[in-house]
Amino acid sequence: MFNSTASGDHTVGLRVTDADGASDTDTATVTVKNVAPPAAAGGPYSGNEGSNIDLDGSGSSDPGNDIVSYAWDLDNDGQYDDATGQTAVFNSTTSGDHAVGLEVTDADGASDTDTATVTVISASPPPALIVTVSTDKGSYVHREKVVVTVTVTDGTSPISGAAVHIDVTTPKGRTIQKDGTTDGTGTVKFQHKVNAKRDGVGTYTINATAVKAGYESGNGSRTFEVE
């Protein structure tokens, strides 16, 4: 059996000897084909916005132990021209998942590529929604209509398209649920008809929650009286 980590042509010889001591020799050529080095970009990686994230391609290997270059694609443009070497540094001010690539080449010119994911974590939390709950009056009687207005802002500007859920809890512990979405003014209105015989008189509590992608959810509350 012949085994070599060096590609190319190799000469092997054979000597044959008989019982009388006579012998002869012959040679043959063994051609060892080069095998491309399997690239390993490592990962997955993660780090904060604006911070250096170390990438490591040392997991790459070659049967012939003749890797001559490591080239990195750090901007996902398909070109391995952003960094060289077994390790590299990735830095981004954009949060989310980013693809990076590594190309490994051996002395015979054979190459392989691999990709890894770098997750960049937002350095600052998203803005929080501020929820304000109001009613058209402070006190109501049996079968009177309550108009509830929920306003959602980010502290300075109204937020449209926020999903709003409210729970109205009655003095007898019953919960009435309603859902809506804020309009262009950042508000959504709900109506509730008082049923004092069923739900009782006293203090009713409204709890509102608003959610929207890119924001931390917000909560607000309000009470009204039923006489």
Protein backbone atom coordinates (compact mmCIF):
# COMPACT_ATOMS: atom_id res chain seq x y z
CA MET A 1 0.00 0.00 0.00
CA PHE A 2 1.25 3.46 -0.91
CA ASN A 3 0.20 6.64 0.89
CA SER A 4 1.49 10.16 0.42
CA THR A 5 0.37 13.65 1.41
CA ALA A 6 2.37 15.13 -1.46
CA SER A 7 0.56 15.42 -4.76
CA GLY A 8 2.26 14.59 -8.05
CA ASP A 9 4.05 11.58 -9.57
CA HIS A 10 5.93 9.16 -7.33
CA THR A 11 8.10 6.24 -8.41
CA VAL A 12 7.78 2.93 -6.60
CA GLY A 13 9.97 -0.10 -7.15
CA LEU A 14 9.48 -3.84 -6.84
CA ARG A 15 12.17 -6.54 -6.49
CA VAL A 16 11.19 -10.18 -7.02
CA THR A 17 13.51 -13.02 -5.93
CA ASP A 18 13.09 -16.75 -6.58
CA ALA A 19 14.21 -19.76 -4.53
CA ASP A 20 17.56 -19.88 -6.34
CA GLY A 21 18.32 -16.29 -5.41
CA ALA A 22 17.73 -14.87 -8.86
CA SER A 23 15.96 -11.53 -8.78
CA ASP A 24 14.61 -8.80 -10.98
CA THR A 25 13.29 -5.30 -10.38
CA ASP A 26 10.69 -3.08 -11.92
CA THR A 27 9.32 0.39 -11.28
CA ALA A 28 5.93 2.01 -11.57
CA THR A 29 4.58 5.51 -11.31
CA VAL A 30 1.97 6.44 -8.71
CA THR A 31 0.16 9.70 -9.38
CA VAL A 32 -1.24 11.32 -6.25
CA LYS A 33 -3.98 13.80 -7.03
CA ASN A 34 -4.19 17.01 -5.06
CA VAL A 35 -7.16 17.41 -2.72
CA ALA A 36 -8.58 20.88 -2.14
CA PRO A 37 -8.24 22.06 1.47
CA PRO A 38 -11.65 22.07 3.25
CA ALA A 39 -12.29 25.65 4.41
CA ALA A 40 -13.82 26.28 7.84
CA ALA A 41 -14.88 29.85 8.58
CA GLY A 42 -15.79 28.98 12.19
CA GLY A 43 -18.64 30.57 14.07
CA PRO A 44 -21.38 31.35 14.56
CA TYR A 45 -20.06 34.62 15.95
CA SER A 46 -21.71 37.46 17.87
CA GLY A 47 -20.81 40.86 19.28
CA ASN A 48 -22.07 44.37 19.84
CA GLU A 49 -22.49 47.14 17.27
CA GLY A 50 -19.21 48.94 16.62
CA SER A 51 -17.09 46.36 18.45
CA ASN A 52 -14.39 44.12 16.95
CA ILE A 53 -15.52 40.52 16.50
CA ASP A 54 -12.67 38.02 16.01
CA LEU A 55 -13.05 35.48 13.19
CA ASP A 56 -11.02 32.26 13.20
CA GLY A 57 -10.35 30.06 10.17
CA SER A 58 -7.91 27.74 11.94
CA GLY A 59 -10.37 24.88 11.56
CA SER A 60 -9.45 24.74 7.88
CA SER A 61 -7.22 21.79 6.93
CA ASP A 62 -5.35 20.28 4.01
CA PRO A 63 -4.24 16.64 3.52
CA GLY A 64 -0.97 17.91 2.11
CA ASN A 65 -0.45 20.46 4.89
CA ASP A 66 0.31 23.11 2.30
CA ILE A 67 -2.30 25.86 2.75
CA VAL A 68 -0.70 29.02 1.45
CA SER A 69 -3.46 31.62 1.77
CA TYR A 70 -6.57 32.56 3.71
CA ALA A 71 -8.77 35.27 2.16
CA TRP A 72 -11.92 36.74 3.75
CA ASP A 73 -15.11 38.24 2.31
CA LEU A 74 -16.43 40.48 5.09
CA ASP A 75 -19.04 42.48 3.13
CA ASN A 76 -20.79 39.52 1.45
CA ASP A 77 -20.06 40.74 -2.07
CA GLY A 78 -18.62 37.41 -3.21
CA GLN A 79 -15.09 38.83 -3.42
CA TYR A 80 -12.49 37.49 -0.99
CA ASP A 81 -10.58 40.75 -0.81
CA ASP A 82 -11.37 42.25 2.60
CA ALA A 83 -8.78 40.55 4.83
CA THR A 84 -6.08 37.88 4.69
CA GLY A 85 -4.69 35.48 7.24
CA GLN A 86 -5.98 32.64 9.36
CA THR A 87 -7.85 35.14 11.55
CA ALA A 88 -9.70 38.36 10.75
CA VAL A 89 -11.70 41.07 12.51
CA PHE A 90 -15.31 41.95 11.68
CA ASN A 91 -16.86 45.26 12.74
CA SER A 92 -20.29 46.64 11.88
CA THR A 93 -22.56 49.40 13.14
CA THR A 94 -25.61 47.63 11.69
CA SER A 95 -27.35 45.18 13.99
CA GLY A 96 -28.64 41.83 12.71
CA ASP A 97 -27.15 38.76 11.02
CA HIS A 98 -24.25 39.18 8.58
CA ALA A 99 -22.66 36.53 6.34
CA VAL A 100 -18.86 36.33 6.09
CA GLY A 101 -16.86 34.03 3.82
CA LEU A 102 -13.42 32.40 3.89
CA GLU A 103 -11.48 31.08 0.90
CA VAL A 104 -8.53 28.74 1.56
CA THR A 105 -5.97 27.92 -1.15
CA ASP A 106 -3.17 25.32 -1.11
CA ALA A 107 0.22 25.29 -2.82
CA ASP A 108 -1.21 23.52 -5.86
CA GLY A 109 -3.79 26.26 -6.42
CA ALA A 110 -6.77 24.23 -5.23
CA SER A 111 -9.22 26.18 -3.09
CA ASP A 112 -12.40 25.85 -1.07
CA THR A 113 -14.79 28.31 0.54
CA ASP A 114 -16.98 28.37 3.62
CA THR A 115 -19.36 30.88 5.19
CA ALA A 116 -20.28 31.79 8.75
CA THR A 117 -22.89 34.00 10.40
CA VAL A 118 -21.99 37.00 12.54
CA THR A 119 -24.81 38.34 14.71
CA VAL A 120 -24.37 42.01 15.58
CA ILE A 121 -26.30 43.01 18.69
CA SER A 122 -27.81 46.48 18.96
CA ALA A 123 -25.78 48.56 21.40
CA SER A 124 -28.79 50.52 22.59
CA PRO A 125 -32.30 49.30 23.38
CA PRO A 126 -35.13 50.28 21.04
CA PRO A 127 -37.29 53.25 22.02
CA ALA A 128 -40.17 52.47 24.36
CA LEU A 129 -43.80 53.14 23.56
CA ILE A 130 -45.57 55.54 25.91
CA VAL A 131 -49.23 54.69 26.40
CA THR A 132 -51.83 57.13 27.73
CA VAL A 133 -55.38 56.02 28.52
CA SER A 134 -58.27 58.47 28.91
CA THR A 135 -62.07 58.32 29.12
CA ASP A 136 -64.62 60.90 28.00
CA LYS A 137 -65.86 61.21 31.61
CA GLY A 138 -64.85 60.10 35.05
CA SER A 139 -68.17 58.68 36.22
CA TYR A 140 -70.99 56.76 34.52
CA VAL A 141 -74.34 55.15 35.27
CA HIS A 142 -76.03 51.93 34.16
CA ARG A 143 -76.24 51.48 30.38
CA GLU A 144 -74.20 54.60 29.68
CA LYS A 145 -71.53 54.39 26.96
CA VAL A 146 -67.85 54.79 27.95
CA VAL A 147 -65.47 56.08 25.26
CA VAL A 148 -61.88 55.00 25.92
CA THR A 149 -59.06 56.72 24.02
CA VAL A 150 -55.59 55.19 23.96
CA THR A 151 -52.74 57.39 22.70
CA VAL A 152 -49.34 55.92 21.79
CA THR A 153 -46.17 58.00 21.32
CA ASP A 154 -42.42 57.53 21.52
CA GLY A 155 -42.19 60.48 23.86
CA THR A 156 -42.12 63.08 21.11
CA SER A 157 -44.11 61.81 18.12
CA PRO A 158 -47.35 59.84 17.70
CA ILE A 159 -46.93 56.21 16.69
CA SER A 160 -49.28 54.89 14.03
CA GLY A 161 -49.83 51.20 13.36
CA ALA A 162 -49.29 50.11 16.97
CA ALA A 163 -51.37 47.13 18.08
CA VAL A 164 -53.30 48.02 21.24
CA HIS A 165 -54.97 45.58 23.62
CA ILE A 166 -57.10 46.70 26.55
CA ASP A 167 -58.54 44.84 29.53
CA VAL A 168 -61.45 46.44 31.38
CA THR A 169 -61.77 44.87 34.84
CA THR A 170 -65.10 45.29 36.59
CA PRO A 171 -65.76 45.49 40.36
CA LYS A 172 -67.00 41.90 40.21
CA GLY A 173 -63.75 40.69 38.63
CA ARG A 174 -64.98 40.18 35.07
CA THR A 175 -62.51 41.18 32.35
CA ILE A 176 -63.64 42.67 29.03
CA GLN A 177 -61.01 42.56 26.27
CA LYS A 178 -60.77 44.71 23.17
CA ASP A 179 -58.16 45.16 20.43
CA GLY A 180 -57.38 47.89 17.95
CA THR A 181 -54.66 49.70 16.00
CA THR A 182 -53.54 53.30 16.32
CA ASP A 183 -54.24 55.66 13.43
CA GLY A 184 -52.07 58.42 11.96
CA THR A 185 -52.52 60.51 15.08
CA GLY A 186 -51.30 57.68 17.31
CA THR A 187 -54.74 57.09 18.83
CA VAL A 188 -57.36 54.37 18.88
CA LYS A 189 -60.80 54.53 20.45
CA PHE A 190 -62.87 51.83 22.14
CA GLN A 191 -66.44 51.86 23.37
CA HIS A 192 -67.87 50.04 26.37
CA LYS A 193 -71.49 50.00 27.48
CA VAL A 194 -71.89 49.93 31.23
CA ASN A 195 -73.98 47.08 32.66
CA ALA A 196 -74.06 47.83 36.36
CA LYS A 197 -76.53 45.05 37.09
CA ARG A 198 -74.14 42.44 35.74
CA ASP A 199 -70.75 43.96 36.56
CA GLY A 200 -71.56 46.02 39.65
CA VAL A 201 -70.99 49.61 40.71
CA GLY A 202 -67.69 51.01 41.85
CA THR A 203 -64.26 51.32 40.27
CA TYR A 204 -63.52 49.90 36.82
CA THR A 205 -59.85 49.57 35.77
CA ILE A 206 -58.57 49.85 32.20
CA ASN A 207 -55.15 48.37 31.41
CA ALA A 208 -53.74 48.97 27.93
CA THR A 209 -50.72 47.44 26.20
CA ALA A 210 -49.24 48.67 22.90
CA VAL A 211 -46.73 46.81 20.72
CA LYS A 212 -44.97 47.61 17.46
CA ALA A 213 -41.89 46.17 15.74
CA GLY A 214 -38.77 48.19 16.51
CA TYR A 215 -40.10 49.45 19.86
CA GLU A 216 -40.30 48.19 23.40
CA SER A 217 -43.91 47.54 24.36
CA GLY A 218 -45.67 50.12 26.51
CA ASN A 219 -48.40 50.02 29.13
CA GLY A 220 -50.91 52.50 30.52
CA SER A 221 -53.93 52.41 32.82
CA ARG A 222 -56.97 54.42 33.87
CA THR A 223 -59.91 53.99 36.21
CA PHE A 224 -63.49 55.23 36.03
CA GLU A 225 -66.45 54.99 38.36
CA VAL A 226 -69.89 53.50 37.84
CA GLU A 227 -72.61 54.71 40.20
